[in-house]
C-alpha atoms as a PDB file:
ATOM      1  CA  MET A   1      15.282   5.158 -61.356  1.00  0.00           C
ATOM      2  CA  GLU A   2      15.897   7.334 -58.301  1.00  0.00           C
ATOM      3  CA  VAL A   3      19.506   7.796 -57.127  1.00  0.00           C
ATOM      4  CA  GLU A   4      20.797   7.718 -53.806  1.00  0.00           C
ATOM      5  CA  GLN A   5      21.750  11.617 -51.943  1.00  0.00           C
ATOM      6  CA  ARG A   6      24.986  10.125 -52.216  1.00  0.00           C
ATOM      7  CA  GLY A   7      25.112   9.307 -55.510  1.00  0.00           C
ATOM      8  CA  GLY A   8      25.744  10.388 -58.425  1.00  0.00           C
ATOM      9  CA  SER A   9      26.089   8.569 -61.949  1.00  0.00           C
ATOM     10  CA  SER A  10      23.737   6.329 -63.321  1.00  0.00           C
ATOM     11  CA  PRO A  11      23.795   2.968 -63.145  1.00  0.00           C
ATOM     12  CA  GLY A  12      25.790   1.242 -66.193  1.00  0.00           C
ATOM     13  CA  MET A  13      27.239   5.067 -66.902  1.00  0.00           C
ATOM     14  CA  LYS A  14      31.458   4.984 -67.034  1.00  0.00           C
ATOM     15  CA  LEU A  15      31.502   8.391 -65.472  1.00  0.00           C
ATOM     16  CA  LEU A  16      34.382  10.467 -66.902  1.00  0.00           C
ATOM     17  CA  PHE A  17      33.710  14.193 -64.576  1.00  0.00           C
ATOM     18  CA  VAL A  18      30.890  15.904 -62.656  1.00  0.00           C
ATOM     19  CA  GLU A  19      30.440  19.571 -63.871  1.00  0.00           C
ATOM     20  CA  MET A  20      28.867  22.160 -60.960  1.00  0.00           C
ATOM     21  CA  GLY A  21      27.086  25.531 -61.279  1.00  0.00           C
ATOM     22  CA  VAL A  22      25.009  27.769 -59.581  1.00  0.00           C
ATOM     23  CA  GLY A  23      21.807  30.245 -61.039  1.00  0.00           C
ATOM     24  CA  TYR A  24      20.068  32.337 -59.702  1.00  0.00           C
ATOM     25  CA  ASP A  25      16.763  33.988 -60.045  1.00  0.00           C
ATOM     26  CA  LEU A  26      16.556  37.196 -58.482  1.00  0.00           C
ATOM     27  CA  HIS A  27      13.303  39.367 -59.324  1.00  0.00           C
ATOM     28  CA  GLY A  28      11.433  36.523 -61.449  1.00  0.00           C
ATOM     29  CA  GLN A  29      10.603  33.827 -58.928  1.00  0.00           C
ATOM     30  CA  ASP A  30      10.795  31.353 -61.605  1.00  0.00           C
ATOM     31  CA  VAL A  31      13.170  28.677 -60.446  1.00  0.00           C
ATOM     32  CA  THR A  32      13.370  26.904 -64.038  1.00  0.00           C
ATOM     33  CA  ALA A  33      15.360  29.991 -64.707  1.00  0.00           C
ATOM     34  CA  ALA A  34      17.223  29.461 -61.663  1.00  0.00           C
ATOM     35  CA  ALA A  35      18.086  25.865 -62.503  1.00  0.00           C
ATOM     36  CA  MET A  36      18.723  26.190 -66.231  1.00  0.00           C
ATOM     37  CA  ARG A  37      21.461  28.992 -65.048  1.00  0.00           C
ATOM     38  CA  ALA A  38      23.321  26.666 -63.093  1.00  0.00           C
ATOM     39  CA  CYS A  39      23.211  23.601 -65.972  1.00  0.00           C
ATOM     40  CA  ARG A  40      24.733  26.754 -67.927  1.00  0.00           C
ATOM     41  CA  ASP A  41      26.912  27.280 -65.300  1.00  0.00           C
ATOM     42  CA  ALA A  42      28.092  23.840 -64.858  1.00  0.00           C
ATOM     43  CA  ILE A  43      28.305  22.645 -68.711  1.00  0.00           C
ATOM     44  CA  ALA A  44      30.299  26.609 -69.532  1.00  0.00           C
ATOM     45  CA  SER A  45      33.825  26.099 -68.779  1.00  0.00           C
ATOM     46  CA  ASN A  46      34.154  23.016 -70.564  1.00  0.00           C
ATOM     47  CA  SER A  47      35.137  21.728 -73.425  1.00  0.00           C
ATOM     48  CA  ILE A  48      35.208  17.993 -74.031  1.00  0.00           C
ATOM     49  CA  PRO A  49      36.836  17.187 -77.095  1.00  0.00           C
ATOM     50  CA  ALA A  50      37.479  12.943 -75.808  1.00  0.00           C
ATOM     51  CA  PHE A  51      34.310  12.170 -77.681  1.00  0.00           C
ATOM     52  CA  GLY A  52      34.891  14.170 -80.988  1.00  0.00           C
ATOM     53  CA  ARG A  53      38.527  13.149 -81.423  1.00  0.00           C
ATOM     54  CA  GLY A  54      38.376   9.376 -80.923  1.00  0.00           C
ATOM     55  CA  SER A  55      40.138   9.108 -77.461  1.00  0.00           C
ATOM     56  CA  ILE A  56      38.304   6.769 -76.203  1.00  0.00           C
ATOM     57  CA  PRO A  57      37.882   3.656 -78.498  1.00  0.00           C
ATOM     58  CA  GLY A  58      34.323   3.297 -80.530  1.00  0.00           C
ATOM     59  CA  VAL A  59      32.605   6.267 -78.503  1.00  0.00           C
ATOM     60  CA  THR A  60      31.388   9.193 -80.445  1.00  0.00           C
ATOM     61  CA  SER A  61      29.100  12.291 -78.853  1.00  0.00           C
ATOM     62  CA  ASP A  62      26.582   9.498 -80.008  1.00  0.00           C
ATOM     63  CA  HIS A  63      27.254   8.243 -76.614  1.00  0.00           C
ATOM     64  CA  MET A  64      27.824  10.855 -74.072  1.00  0.00           C
ATOM     65  CA  LYS A  65      25.353   9.867 -71.410  1.00  0.00           C
ATOM     66  CA  LEU A  66      24.246  12.849 -68.812  1.00  0.00           C
ATOM     67  CA  HIS A  67      22.405  12.837 -65.304  1.00  0.00           C
ATOM     68  CA  VAL A  68      21.566  15.870 -64.210  1.00  0.00           C
ATOM     69  CA  LYS A  69      21.923  16.369 -60.136  1.00  0.00           C
ATOM     70  CA  LEU A  70      19.635  19.536 -58.897  1.00  0.00           C
ATOM     71  CA  GLY A  71      19.958  21.016 -55.503  1.00  0.00           C
ATOM     72  CA  VAL A  72      16.024  22.955 -55.293  1.00  0.00           C
ATOM     73  CA  PRO A  73      15.049  24.392 -52.279  1.00  0.00           C
ATOM     74  CA  HIS A  74      11.760  21.754 -51.392  1.00  0.00           C
ATOM     75  CA  PRO A  75       8.647  24.014 -50.945  1.00  0.00           C
ATOM     76  CA  LEU A  76      10.166  24.555 -55.636  1.00  0.00           C
ATOM     77  CA  GLN A  77      10.526  21.964 -56.495  1.00  0.00           C
ATOM     78  CA  LYS A  78       7.283  20.913 -58.392  1.00  0.00           C
ATOM     79  CA  ASN A  79       7.488  24.247 -59.693  1.00  0.00           C
ATOM     80  CA  VAL A  80      10.776  22.661 -61.799  1.00  0.00           C
ATOM     81  CA  ASP A  81      10.171  22.365 -65.909  1.00  0.00           C
ATOM     82  CA  LYS A  82      11.890  19.481 -66.688  1.00  0.00           C
ATOM     83  CA  GLU A  83      11.890  19.573 -70.169  1.00  0.00           C
ATOM     84  CA  LYS A  84      13.051  23.580 -70.537  1.00  0.00           C
ATOM     85  CA  ILE A  85      16.347  22.023 -68.520  1.00  0.00           C
ATOM     86  CA  LYS A  86      16.835  19.578 -70.311  1.00  0.00           C
ATOM     87  CA  SER A  87      17.279  22.412 -73.758  1.00  0.00           C
ATOM     88  CA  VAL A  88      19.829  23.674 -71.960  1.00  0.00           C
ATOM     89  CA  PHE A  89      22.557  20.501 -72.875  1.00  0.00           C
ATOM     90  CA  PRO A  90      23.697  21.006 -76.879  1.00  0.00           C
ATOM     91  CA  TYR A  91      24.384  16.360 -76.667  1.00  0.00           C
ATOM     92  CA  GLY A  92      24.387  13.904 -74.728  1.00  0.00           C
ATOM     93  CA  LYS A  93      20.980  11.570 -73.641  1.00  0.00           C
ATOM     94  CA  ILE A  94      20.339  12.528 -69.700  1.00  0.00           C
ATOM     95  CA  GLN A  95      20.195   8.689 -68.363  1.00  0.00           C
ATOM     96  CA  ASN A  96      18.355  10.719 -65.014  1.00  0.00           C
ATOM     97  CA  PHE A  97      16.688  13.862 -63.899  1.00  0.00           C
ATOM     98  CA  GLU A  98      17.292  14.647 -60.236  1.00  0.00           C
ATOM     99  CA  ILE A  99      15.852  16.967 -58.246  1.00  0.00           C
ATOM    100  CA  VAL A 100      17.147  16.571 -54.472  1.00  0.00           C
ATOM    101  CA  ASP A 101      16.291  19.236 -51.447  1.00  0.00           C
ATOM    102  CA  GLY A 102      19.036  21.618 -51.622  1.00  0.00           C
ATOM    103  CA  GLY A 103      19.127  25.457 -53.147  1.00  0.00           C
ATOM    104  CA  LEU A 104      18.205  28.576 -51.123  1.00  0.00           C
ATOM    105  CA  VAL A 105      15.110  30.940 -50.515  1.00  0.00           C
ATOM    106  CA  CYS A 106      16.699  34.507 -49.359  1.00  0.00           C
ATOM    107  CA  SER A 107      15.590  37.991 -49.867  1.00  0.00           C
ATOM    108  CA  THR A 108      17.175  40.315 -52.657  1.00  0.00           C
ATOM    109  CA  GLU A 109      16.226  43.474 -49.702  1.00  0.00           C
ATOM    110  CA  GLU A 110      15.846  45.702 -52.574  1.00  0.00           C
ATOM    111  CA  LEU A 111      11.608  45.866 -53.251  1.00  0.00           C
ATOM    112  CA  ALA A 112      10.553  46.257 -49.373  1.00  0.00           C
ATOM    113  CA  GLU A 113       6.803  46.951 -50.906  1.00  0.00           C
ATOM    114  CA  LYS A 114       5.975  43.561 -52.841  1.00  0.00           C
ATOM    115  CA  LYS A 115       8.107  39.719 -52.603  1.00  0.00           C
ATOM    116  CA  ASP A 116      11.605  40.008 -53.363  1.00  0.00           C
ATOM    117  CA  ASP A 117      12.568  36.162 -53.396  1.00  0.00           C
ATOM    118  CA  CYS A 118      15.679  35.273 -55.059  1.00  0.00           C
ATOM    119  CA  TYR A 119      15.882  31.474 -56.016  1.00  0.00           C
ATOM    120  CA  ILE A 120      19.012  29.974 -55.788  1.00  0.00           C
ATOM    121  CA  VAL A 121      19.399  26.202 -57.472  1.00  0.00           C
ATOM    122  CA  ASN A 122      22.883  24.297 -57.205  1.00  0.00           C
ATOM    123  CA  ALA A 123      23.638  21.904 -60.221  1.00  0.00           C
ATOM    124  CA  ALA A 124      25.700  18.451 -60.271  1.00  0.00           C
ATOM    125  CA  VAL A 125      26.269  16.898 -64.098  1.00  0.00           C
ATOM    126  CA  TYR A 126      27.750  13.978 -63.809  1.00  0.00           C
ATOM    127  CA  VAL A 127      28.957  13.399 -67.696  1.00  0.00           C
ATOM    128  CA  GLY A 128      30.093   9.672 -69.045  1.00  0.00           C
ATOM    129  CA  TYR A 129      29.275   7.347 -71.428  1.00  0.00           C
END
């Protein structure tokens, strides 16, 4: 099921917060690597003790739901390996995985003799239960 471009959390999810990140692949031209870095960046600075400590009555980490939304340059979207990206998340059930137009392809201008594109991906990870 697709969520409209402006929306974030999946239907039926009680949204707690949104984590955002950016990932790059400077020389490998691997959009999946850039997406994995974006997801790691999004979740790297957060701790979610509410799920483990019973702060939300009846809700544990087993109830955590995720919606992953990636902004990826349109021509590269077909190259994204969703299964590899899902491995970034240590817990939580991914309810929805969405790829939309976004990100950037730019030159690093380091290697004049070969393709030196840098792929940039943006991630929004919606966390709820």
